[in-house]
N, C-alpha and C. Protein backbone atom coordinates (compact mmCIF):
# COMPACT_ATOMS: atom_id res chain seq x y z
N UNK A 1 -37.69 34.13 -41.27
CA UNK A 1 -37.94 32.92 -41.69
C UNK A 1 -37.31 32.19 -41.04
N UNK A 2 -37.87 31.18 -39.58
CA UNK A 2 -37.34 30.39 -38.92
C UNK A 2 -37.53 29.42 -39.32
N UNK A 3 -36.69 28.23 -38.83
CA UNK A 3 -36.92 26.93 -38.98
C UNK A 3 -37.76 26.50 -37.99
N UNK A 4 -38.73 26.40 -38.29
CA UNK A 4 -40.17 25.31 -37.40
C UNK A 4 -40.00 23.86 -37.76
N UNK A 5 -39.67 22.85 -36.29
CA UNK A 5 -40.20 21.79 -36.06
C UNK A 5 -41.33 21.16 -36.28
N UNK A 6 -41.62 20.27 -37.18
CA UNK A 6 -43.13 20.17 -37.07
C UNK A 6 -43.54 18.97 -36.03
N UNK A 7 -42.50 18.67 -35.08
CA UNK A 7 -42.88 17.79 -33.37
C UNK A 7 -42.26 18.81 -32.63
N UNK A 8 -42.71 18.02 -31.24
CA UNK A 8 -42.68 19.05 -30.09
C UNK A 8 -41.13 18.53 -30.09
N UNK A 9 -40.78 19.99 -29.51
CA UNK A 9 -39.42 20.15 -29.55
C UNK A 9 -38.86 18.56 -27.48
N UNK A 10 -37.26 18.42 -28.44
CA UNK A 10 -36.97 17.21 -27.68
C UNK A 10 -36.67 17.19 -25.98
N UNK A 11 -37.04 16.81 -25.34
CA UNK A 11 -36.27 16.90 -24.03
C UNK A 11 -34.62 16.24 -23.31
N UNK A 12 -34.60 15.57 -24.27
CA UNK A 12 -33.21 15.35 -24.57
C UNK A 12 -32.90 13.59 -23.72
N UNK A 13 -34.31 13.19 -23.75
CA UNK A 13 -34.32 11.93 -23.21
C UNK A 13 -34.22 11.23 -24.27
N UNK A 14 -34.55 11.38 -25.44
CA UNK A 14 -35.00 10.22 -26.79
C UNK A 14 -33.75 10.04 -27.36
N UNK A 15 -34.10 8.85 -28.36
CA UNK A 15 -32.82 8.56 -29.50
C UNK A 15 -32.77 9.47 -29.74
N UNK A 16 -31.50 9.80 -30.62
CA UNK A 16 -31.01 11.29 -31.60
C UNK A 16 -31.96 10.65 -32.69
N UNK A 17 -32.20 11.90 -33.51
CA UNK A 17 -33.31 11.30 -35.11
C UNK A 17 -32.62 11.48 -35.95
N UNK A 18 -32.42 10.34 -36.96
CA UNK A 18 -31.78 10.77 -38.43
C UNK A 18 -31.98 11.20 -39.27
N UNK A 19 -33.63 11.97 -38.69
CA UNK A 19 -34.63 12.59 -39.92
C UNK A 19 -34.79 13.75 -38.83
N UNK A 20 -34.96 14.75 -39.22
CA UNK A 20 -35.41 15.92 -38.43
C UNK A 20 -36.40 16.82 -39.46
N UNK A 21 -37.65 16.37 -39.16
CA UNK A 21 -38.67 16.95 -39.61
C UNK A 21 -38.46 19.13 -39.73
N UNK A 22 -38.18 19.58 -40.66
CA UNK A 22 -38.20 20.96 -40.40
C UNK A 22 -38.03 21.69 -41.59
N UNK A 23 -39.02 22.82 -41.94
CA UNK A 23 -38.78 23.57 -42.98
C UNK A 23 -37.45 24.53 -42.72
N UNK A 24 -37.07 24.64 -43.43
CA UNK A 24 -35.36 25.05 -44.14
C UNK A 24 -36.12 26.78 -43.19
N UNK A 25 -35.64 27.73 -42.59
CA UNK A 25 -35.87 28.82 -42.53
C UNK A 25 -33.98 29.50 -43.17
N UNK A 26 -34.12 30.47 -43.08
CA UNK A 26 -32.46 31.42 -43.95
C UNK A 26 -31.24 31.29 -42.73
N UNK A 27 -31.31 30.89 -41.18
CA UNK A 27 -30.04 30.49 -40.51
C UNK A 27 -29.97 29.27 -40.87
N UNK A 28 -30.97 27.81 -41.08
CA UNK A 28 -30.83 26.43 -41.45
C UNK A 28 -30.09 26.59 -42.52
N UNK A 29 -31.07 27.25 -43.29
CA UNK A 29 -30.13 27.11 -45.36
C UNK A 29 -28.77 27.13 -44.83
N UNK A 30 -28.40 28.28 -44.27
CA UNK A 30 -26.77 29.40 -44.71
C UNK A 30 -25.33 28.32 -43.50
N UNK A 31 -26.22 27.89 -42.65
CA UNK A 31 -25.53 26.81 -41.99
C UNK A 31 -25.75 25.72 -42.78
N UNK A 32 -26.25 25.31 -43.53
CA UNK A 32 -26.30 23.90 -44.65
C UNK A 32 -25.19 23.83 -45.48
N UNK A 33 -25.54 25.26 -46.29
CA UNK A 33 -24.52 25.98 -47.12
C UNK A 33 -23.09 26.22 -46.70
N UNK A 34 -22.76 26.57 -45.15
CA UNK A 34 -21.48 26.34 -45.36
C UNK A 34 -21.14 25.03 -44.86
N UNK A 35 -21.64 23.74 -44.59
CA UNK A 35 -21.22 22.62 -44.09
C UNK A 35 -21.12 22.48 -45.52
N UNK A 36 -21.72 22.68 -46.79
CA UNK A 36 -21.23 22.02 -48.17
C UNK A 36 -20.37 22.47 -48.76
N UNK A 37 -19.90 23.78 -48.41
CA UNK A 37 -18.84 24.44 -48.51
C UNK A 37 -17.57 24.14 -48.57
N UNK A 38 -17.38 23.27 -47.02
CA UNK A 38 -17.00 22.72 -46.93
C UNK A 38 -16.05 21.44 -47.12
N UNK A 39 -17.39 20.69 -47.21
CA UNK A 39 -16.99 19.67 -48.89
C UNK A 39 -16.87 19.49 -50.07
N UNK A 40 -17.00 21.14 -50.63
CA UNK A 40 -16.61 21.39 -51.92
C UNK A 40 -14.99 21.47 -51.91
N UNK A 41 -14.12 20.84 -51.64
CA UNK A 41 -12.86 21.24 -51.62
C UNK A 41 -12.23 19.96 -52.01
N UNK A 42 -11.80 19.11 -53.07
CA UNK A 42 -11.59 17.78 -53.36
C UNK A 42 -10.49 16.83 -51.82
N UNK A 43 -9.72 17.66 -51.58
CA UNK A 43 -8.48 17.35 -50.48
C UNK A 43 -9.47 17.15 -48.83
N UNK A 44 -10.50 18.19 -48.80
CA UNK A 44 -10.90 18.13 -47.61
C UNK A 44 -11.88 17.20 -47.90
N UNK A 45 -12.82 17.17 -48.87
CA UNK A 45 -13.73 15.79 -49.06
C UNK A 45 -12.89 14.37 -48.67
N UNK A 46 -11.89 14.15 -49.80
CA UNK A 46 -11.11 13.05 -49.69
C UNK A 46 -10.87 12.80 -47.79
N UNK A 47 -10.56 13.87 -46.80
CA UNK A 47 -10.09 13.46 -45.33
C UNK A 47 -11.64 13.35 -45.05
N UNK A 48 -12.51 14.12 -44.92
CA UNK A 48 -13.91 13.57 -44.70
C UNK A 48 -14.39 11.82 -44.94
N UNK A 49 -13.78 11.74 -46.20
CA UNK A 49 -14.40 10.31 -46.40
C UNK A 49 -13.47 8.75 -45.81
N UNK A 50 -12.59 9.77 -45.45
CA UNK A 50 -11.54 8.60 -44.79
C UNK A 50 -12.12 8.77 -43.26
N UNK A 51 -12.41 10.11 -42.52
CA UNK A 51 -12.79 9.80 -41.34
C UNK A 51 -14.09 9.05 -41.09
N UNK A 52 -15.00 9.12 -42.76
CA UNK A 52 -16.55 8.78 -42.33
C UNK A 52 -15.83 7.06 -42.54
N UNK A 53 -14.70 6.04 -42.87
CA UNK A 53 -14.37 4.92 -42.60
C UNK A 53 -14.03 4.80 -40.91
N UNK A 54 -13.98 5.88 -39.96
CA UNK A 54 -13.34 5.81 -38.87
C UNK A 54 -12.34 7.09 -38.66
N UNK A 55 -11.81 6.94 -36.82
CA UNK A 55 -11.12 7.71 -36.45
C UNK A 55 -9.84 7.76 -36.89
N UNK A 56 -8.70 8.77 -37.25
CA UNK A 56 -7.67 8.60 -38.35
C UNK A 56 -6.91 9.79 -37.24
N UNK A 57 -5.47 9.75 -37.32
CA UNK A 57 -4.28 10.12 -36.74
C UNK A 57 -3.83 11.53 -37.97
N UNK A 58 -3.52 12.49 -38.25
CA UNK A 58 -2.97 13.09 -39.14
C UNK A 58 -2.09 12.48 -39.66
N UNK A 59 -1.26 11.32 -39.44
CA UNK A 59 -0.06 11.09 -40.27
C UNK A 59 -1.08 10.19 -40.94
N UNK A 60 -1.76 9.05 -40.79
CA UNK A 60 -2.95 7.96 -41.41
C UNK A 60 -3.30 9.16 -42.34
N UNK A 61 -4.05 10.51 -42.04
CA UNK A 61 -5.20 11.18 -43.34
C UNK A 61 -3.88 11.47 -44.12
N UNK A 62 -2.68 11.89 -43.95
CA UNK A 62 -1.67 12.60 -44.66
C UNK A 62 -1.54 11.28 -45.86
N UNK A 63 -1.18 10.18 -45.39
CA UNK A 63 -0.89 9.10 -46.42
C UNK A 63 -2.14 8.94 -47.22
N UNK A 64 -3.22 8.74 -46.37
CA UNK A 64 -4.56 8.25 -47.46
C UNK A 64 -4.63 9.45 -48.38
N UNK A 65 -4.56 10.81 -48.12
CA UNK A 65 -4.91 11.72 -48.89
C UNK A 65 -3.58 12.29 -50.21
N UNK A 66 -1.85 11.84 -50.02
CA UNK A 66 -1.14 11.83 -50.89
C UNK A 66 -0.91 13.06 -50.66
N UNK A 67 -1.18 13.84 -49.87
CA UNK A 67 -0.58 15.23 -49.42
C UNK A 67 0.08 15.52 -48.60
N UNK A 68 1.04 16.97 -48.96
CA UNK A 68 2.12 17.31 -47.77
C UNK A 68 1.39 17.98 -46.68
N UNK A 69 1.74 17.13 -45.12
CA UNK A 69 1.43 17.39 -44.63
C UNK A 69 0.77 18.73 -43.64
N UNK A 70 1.33 19.37 -43.99
CA UNK A 70 1.31 20.96 -44.02
C UNK A 70 -0.18 21.46 -44.43
N UNK A 71 -0.36 20.44 -45.76
CA UNK A 71 -1.99 20.80 -46.35
C UNK A 71 -3.02 20.21 -45.37
N UNK A 72 -3.06 18.65 -45.24
CA UNK A 72 -3.71 17.95 -44.43
C UNK A 72 -4.10 18.92 -43.11
N UNK A 73 -2.81 19.37 -42.56
CA UNK A 73 -2.97 19.90 -41.56
C UNK A 73 -4.15 21.48 -41.31
N UNK A 74 -3.81 22.30 -42.08
CA UNK A 74 -4.49 23.17 -42.96
C UNK A 74 -6.02 22.90 -42.73
N UNK A 75 -5.92 21.24 -43.46
CA UNK A 75 -7.59 21.12 -44.22
C UNK A 75 -8.17 20.97 -42.75
N UNK A 76 -7.35 20.37 -42.10
CA UNK A 76 -7.81 19.82 -40.44
C UNK A 76 -8.67 20.59 -39.53
N UNK A 77 -7.51 21.81 -40.16
CA UNK A 77 -7.95 22.95 -39.07
C UNK A 77 -9.55 24.05 -39.58
N UNK A 78 -9.31 23.83 -40.41
CA UNK A 78 -10.74 24.55 -40.72
C UNK A 78 -11.75 23.39 -40.65
N UNK A 79 -11.75 22.43 -40.80
CA UNK A 79 -13.07 21.17 -40.22
C UNK A 79 -13.21 20.96 -38.79
N UNK A 80 -12.34 21.43 -38.34
CA UNK A 80 -12.28 21.80 -36.93
C UNK A 80 -13.32 23.04 -36.81
N UNK A 81 -12.54 24.19 -36.96
CA UNK A 81 -13.37 25.67 -36.94
C UNK A 81 -14.95 25.04 -36.81
N UNK A 82 -14.85 24.76 -38.20
CA UNK A 82 -15.99 24.75 -38.63
C UNK A 82 -17.58 23.96 -37.98
N UNK A 83 -16.57 22.75 -37.07
CA UNK A 83 -17.49 21.76 -36.65
C UNK A 83 -17.57 20.46 -36.93
N UNK A 84 -16.87 20.23 -37.89
CA UNK A 84 -17.92 19.02 -38.84
C UNK A 84 -16.82 17.73 -37.82
N UNK A 85 -15.44 18.37 -37.44
CA UNK A 85 -14.76 17.23 -36.69
C UNK A 85 -14.36 17.50 -35.56
N UNK A 86 -13.89 16.61 -34.65
CA UNK A 86 -14.09 16.91 -33.75
C UNK A 86 -11.99 15.92 -33.19
N UNK A 87 -11.58 16.42 -32.29
CA UNK A 87 -10.32 15.40 -32.10
C UNK A 87 -10.37 15.32 -30.56
N UNK A 88 -9.20 14.62 -30.10
CA UNK A 88 -9.10 13.70 -29.17
C UNK A 88 -7.65 13.04 -29.00
N UNK A 89 -6.71 13.59 -27.67
CA UNK A 89 -5.17 13.58 -27.91
C UNK A 89 -5.45 12.01 -26.97
N UNK A 90 -4.47 10.93 -27.64
CA UNK A 90 -4.00 9.88 -27.66
C UNK A 90 -2.43 9.57 -26.89
N UNK A 91 -1.72 10.29 -26.16
CA UNK A 91 -0.61 10.08 -26.11
C UNK A 91 -0.20 11.20 -26.64
N UNK A 92 0.53 11.30 -27.72
CA UNK A 92 1.52 12.32 -28.71
C UNK A 92 0.45 12.30 -29.79
N UNK A 93 -0.27 11.37 -30.29
CA UNK A 93 -1.08 11.93 -31.27
C UNK A 93 -2.24 12.40 -30.67
N UNK A 94 -2.83 13.11 -32.02
CA UNK A 94 -4.10 13.80 -32.37
C UNK A 94 -4.93 12.67 -32.85
N UNK A 95 -6.38 12.09 -32.75
CA UNK A 95 -6.99 11.25 -33.39
C UNK A 95 -8.74 12.16 -33.70
N UNK A 96 -8.54 12.74 -35.32
CA UNK A 96 -9.36 12.85 -36.21
C UNK A 96 -10.62 12.06 -35.98
N UNK A 97 -12.04 12.83 -35.57
CA UNK A 97 -13.18 11.67 -36.07
C UNK A 97 -13.79 12.61 -37.14
N UNK A 98 -15.00 12.30 -37.17
CA UNK A 98 -16.27 12.83 -37.78
C UNK A 98 -17.65 13.41 -36.58
N UNK A 99 -17.61 14.45 -36.86
CA UNK A 99 -18.53 15.12 -35.32
C UNK A 99 -19.94 14.57 -35.35
N UNK A 100 -20.50 13.70 -36.51
CA UNK A 100 -21.85 13.13 -36.20
C UNK A 100 -22.19 12.38 -37.48
N UNK A 101 -23.13 11.69 -36.99
CA UNK A 101 -23.61 10.76 -37.90
C UNK A 101 -23.87 11.17 -39.35
N UNK A 102 -24.68 12.15 -38.97
CA UNK A 102 -25.39 12.87 -40.45
C UNK A 102 -24.29 13.12 -41.36
N UNK A 103 -23.06 13.83 -40.78
CA UNK A 103 -22.01 13.57 -42.09
C UNK A 103 -21.61 12.52 -42.17
N UNK A 104 -21.12 11.52 -41.48
CA UNK A 104 -21.03 10.17 -41.96
C UNK A 104 -21.73 10.19 -43.49
N UNK A 105 -23.44 10.16 -43.30
CA UNK A 105 -24.03 9.75 -44.60
C UNK A 105 -24.07 10.73 -45.73
N UNK A 106 -24.09 11.79 -44.78
CA UNK A 106 -23.66 13.32 -46.54
C UNK A 106 -22.80 12.76 -46.78
N UNK A 107 -21.86 12.40 -46.44
CA UNK A 107 -20.44 11.96 -47.48
C UNK A 107 -20.75 10.97 -47.80
N UNK A 108 -21.24 9.70 -47.57
CA UNK A 108 -20.86 8.31 -48.19
C UNK A 108 -22.31 8.38 -49.43
N UNK A 109 -23.36 9.57 -49.09
CA UNK A 109 -24.48 9.26 -50.27
C UNK A 109 -23.46 10.79 -51.19
N UNK A 110 -22.71 11.98 -50.81
CA UNK A 110 -21.97 12.44 -52.17
C UNK A 110 -21.00 11.35 -52.79
N UNK A 111 -20.57 10.73 -52.08
CA UNK A 111 -19.20 10.50 -53.03
C UNK A 111 -20.09 8.91 -54.01
N UNK A 112 -21.40 8.36 -53.37
CA UNK A 112 -22.48 7.39 -54.02
C UNK A 112 -22.70 8.13 -55.29
N UNK A 113 -23.36 9.36 -55.44
CA UNK A 113 -24.07 10.52 -56.21
C UNK A 113 -23.02 10.55 -56.80
N UNK A 114 -21.50 11.13 -56.94
CA UNK A 114 -20.00 11.30 -57.26
C UNK A 114 -20.17 10.10 -58.52
N UNK A 115 -20.39 9.09 -57.85
CA UNK A 115 -19.79 7.58 -58.42
C UNK A 115 -20.72 7.11 -59.35
N UNK A 116 -22.29 7.77 -59.69
CA UNK A 116 -23.37 7.53 -60.39
C UNK A 116 -22.97 8.08 -61.69
N UNK A 117 -22.43 9.55 -61.13
CA UNK A 117 -22.42 10.27 -62.71
C UNK A 117 -20.91 10.05 -62.84
N UNK A 118 -20.09 9.59 -62.83
CA UNK A 118 -18.86 9.11 -63.38
C UNK A 118 -18.90 7.34 -64.26
N UNK A 119 -19.85 6.84 -63.55
CA UNK A 119 -19.62 5.38 -63.87
C UNK A 119 -21.19 5.61 -65.01
N UNK A 120 -21.95 6.65 -65.29
CA UNK A 120 -23.33 6.34 -65.81
C UNK A 120 -24.12 5.08 -65.11
N UNK A 121 -24.25 4.60 -63.93
CA UNK A 121 -24.54 4.07 -62.92
C UNK A 121 -26.45 4.69 -62.97
N UNK A 122 -27.34 3.34 -63.22
CA UNK A 122 -28.47 4.33 -62.68
C UNK A 122 -28.81 4.95 -61.89
N UNK A 123 -29.70 5.98 -61.90
CA UNK A 123 -29.89 6.59 -60.53
C UNK A 123 -30.87 6.07 -59.37
N UNK A 124 -30.96 5.76 -58.65
CA UNK A 124 -31.92 5.36 -57.60
C UNK A 124 -33.14 6.42 -57.71
N UNK A 125 -33.94 5.52 -57.59
CA UNK A 125 -35.79 6.52 -57.54
C UNK A 125 -36.43 6.35 -56.35
């Protein structure tokens, strides 16, 4: 079972879509599950949430996460290898950023969902 787009394939000239109308097949589901596995660790999720606010250095992420630099670096390496974060050099610093806007929205909605669960605020319908 493969993922079948319900619209014609992209020609690469139009704006990227926020919503992809696909029927999830095995490959797509496994890829999505892999992304969710990366979010399933609290320190990694915190790092991703920080990056959803904008690009940051390892030093900034270490301070924000209140975790040892080695731990932060290991998590960032996993996130980079999984394709969730990108890096660029700025002098001696490595700047980390989220790979795409879908991740920003996924992380924000994950945190918003948790906020409803923790605070008891009514859910959105």
